[in-house]
Each structure stands twice: as C-alpha cells, then as structure tokens.
Protein backbone atom coordinates (compact mmCIF):
# COMPACT_ATOMS: atom_id res chain seq x y z
CA MET A 1 -7.31 -20.06 6.55
CA SER A 2 -6.74 -16.70 5.71
CA SER A 3 -3.72 -15.31 3.69
CA THR A 4 -2.52 -13.52 7.05
CA GLN A 5 -2.87 -16.86 8.97
CA ARG A 6 -0.71 -18.83 6.16
CA SER A 7 1.78 -16.04 6.49
CA LYS A 8 2.08 -16.30 10.32
CA LYS A 9 2.19 -20.26 9.89
CA SER A 10 4.83 -19.67 7.30
CA LEU A 11 6.88 -17.63 9.59
CA GLU A 12 6.68 -20.19 12.46
CA VAL A 13 7.72 -23.04 10.07
CA LYS A 14 10.53 -21.25 8.28
CA PRO A 15 13.17 -21.52 10.76
CA PHE A 16 12.82 -25.32 11.19
CA TYR A 17 12.61 -25.86 7.71
CA ASP A 18 15.85 -23.55 7.00
CA ALA A 19 17.63 -25.43 9.99
CA ALA A 20 16.67 -28.48 8.63
CA ALA A 21 18.30 -27.44 4.91
CA GLU A 22 21.62 -26.08 6.67
CA ALA A 23 21.67 -29.52 8.78
CA ARG A 24 21.37 -31.45 5.60
CA ASN A 25 23.82 -29.57 3.53
CA ALA A 26 26.27 -30.04 6.42
CA GLY A 27 25.58 -33.87 6.33
CA ASP A 28 23.80 -34.15 9.77
CA PHE A 29 20.69 -35.91 8.69
CA GLU A 30 19.42 -36.93 12.01
CA THR A 31 19.32 -33.25 13.06
CA ALA A 32 17.79 -32.37 9.89
CA LYS A 33 15.08 -34.92 10.48
CA GLU A 34 14.52 -33.47 13.94
CA PHE A 35 14.00 -29.94 12.26
CA CYS A 36 11.89 -31.48 9.56
CA ALA A 37 9.74 -33.19 12.57
CA ARG A 38 9.16 -30.15 14.54
CA ALA A 39 8.11 -28.10 11.42
CA LEU A 40 5.52 -30.89 10.75
CA GLU A 41 4.05 -30.71 14.40
CA LEU A 42 3.34 -26.96 13.41
CA LEU A 43 1.16 -27.91 10.23
CA ASP A 44 -1.71 -29.93 9.27
CA GLU A 45 -2.92 -31.24 5.85
CA SER A 46 -4.86 -27.58 5.47
CA GLU A 47 -1.58 -26.05 4.88
CA ALA A 48 -0.99 -28.00 1.82
CA LYS A 49 2.19 -25.94 0.39
CA LEU A 50 3.95 -25.89 3.59
CA PHE A 51 3.31 -29.53 4.00
CA ALA A 52 4.53 -30.47 0.94
CA ILE A 53 7.81 -28.16 1.23
CA VAL A 54 8.70 -30.18 4.32
CA HIS A 55 7.73 -33.46 3.17
CA ARG A 56 10.03 -32.87 -0.15
CA GLU A 57 12.80 -31.76 2.07
CA LEU A 58 12.52 -35.10 4.41
CA GLY A 59 12.67 -36.99 0.55
CA TYR A 60 16.08 -35.09 -0.21
CA ILE A 61 17.34 -36.17 3.17
CA HIS A 62 16.11 -39.95 3.19
CA ALA A 63 17.58 -39.84 -0.14
CA GLU A 64 20.85 -38.61 0.77
CA CYS A 65 20.95 -40.99 3.94
CA GLY A 66 20.34 -43.85 1.07
CA ASP A 67 17.12 -44.83 2.20
CA PRO A 68 15.00 -44.75 -1.38
CA ALA A 69 12.11 -46.24 0.17
CA MET A 70 11.80 -43.46 2.86
CA ALA A 71 12.50 -40.83 0.43
CA GLU A 72 9.69 -42.15 -2.00
CA LYS A 73 7.34 -42.26 0.98
CA HIS A 74 7.95 -38.34 1.44
CA TYR A 75 8.20 -37.43 -1.92
CA ARG A 76 4.82 -39.18 -2.48
CA GLN A 77 3.24 -37.20 0.57
CA ALA A 78 4.71 -33.88 -0.84
CA ILE A 79 2.52 -34.21 -4.18
CA ALA A 80 -0.33 -36.02 -2.46
CA VAL A 81 -1.54 -32.61 -1.20
C-alpha cells in the first residue's frame, strides 16, 4: 500500500476513531465500541498501525467497562501487528 493510500485510509478511519474516543470519555462505552467496530470494518491487517490503534482503543474501552479479558484480547491484537 502506498503512502497516499495509507493517508486516505487514515482519513476514512479517523472520524470513527475520534468519535469512539469521545464516546468513551463521556462514559458511553457501547457507542464507543460501535464506532471502533465501524473503523475496523474499513481496515485490514495490512494497515497495521491503524489496526493497532483501534484495537488499543477497544482495550481501553473494555478495561473501563470492567471486562479485563476482552481488554487483554484487544491489547494483544494491537501489539501483534
């Protein structure tokens, strides 16, 4: 993937990631998870950095929801790429 394609992909994903972070900060964890899921739908594992960032956010969300097992799953997915 070229740097131009990565930049375009980043611009597509950023609104969903930002909305997820905003929802998480507001305590609306279900909405935050939905926005992360939508961001992941736009990605595949070849976009490793973006994939890792979204999974890290999901880890934060699940940790704040009191679900350490799911948090760990997403943290592991983030560092695996």
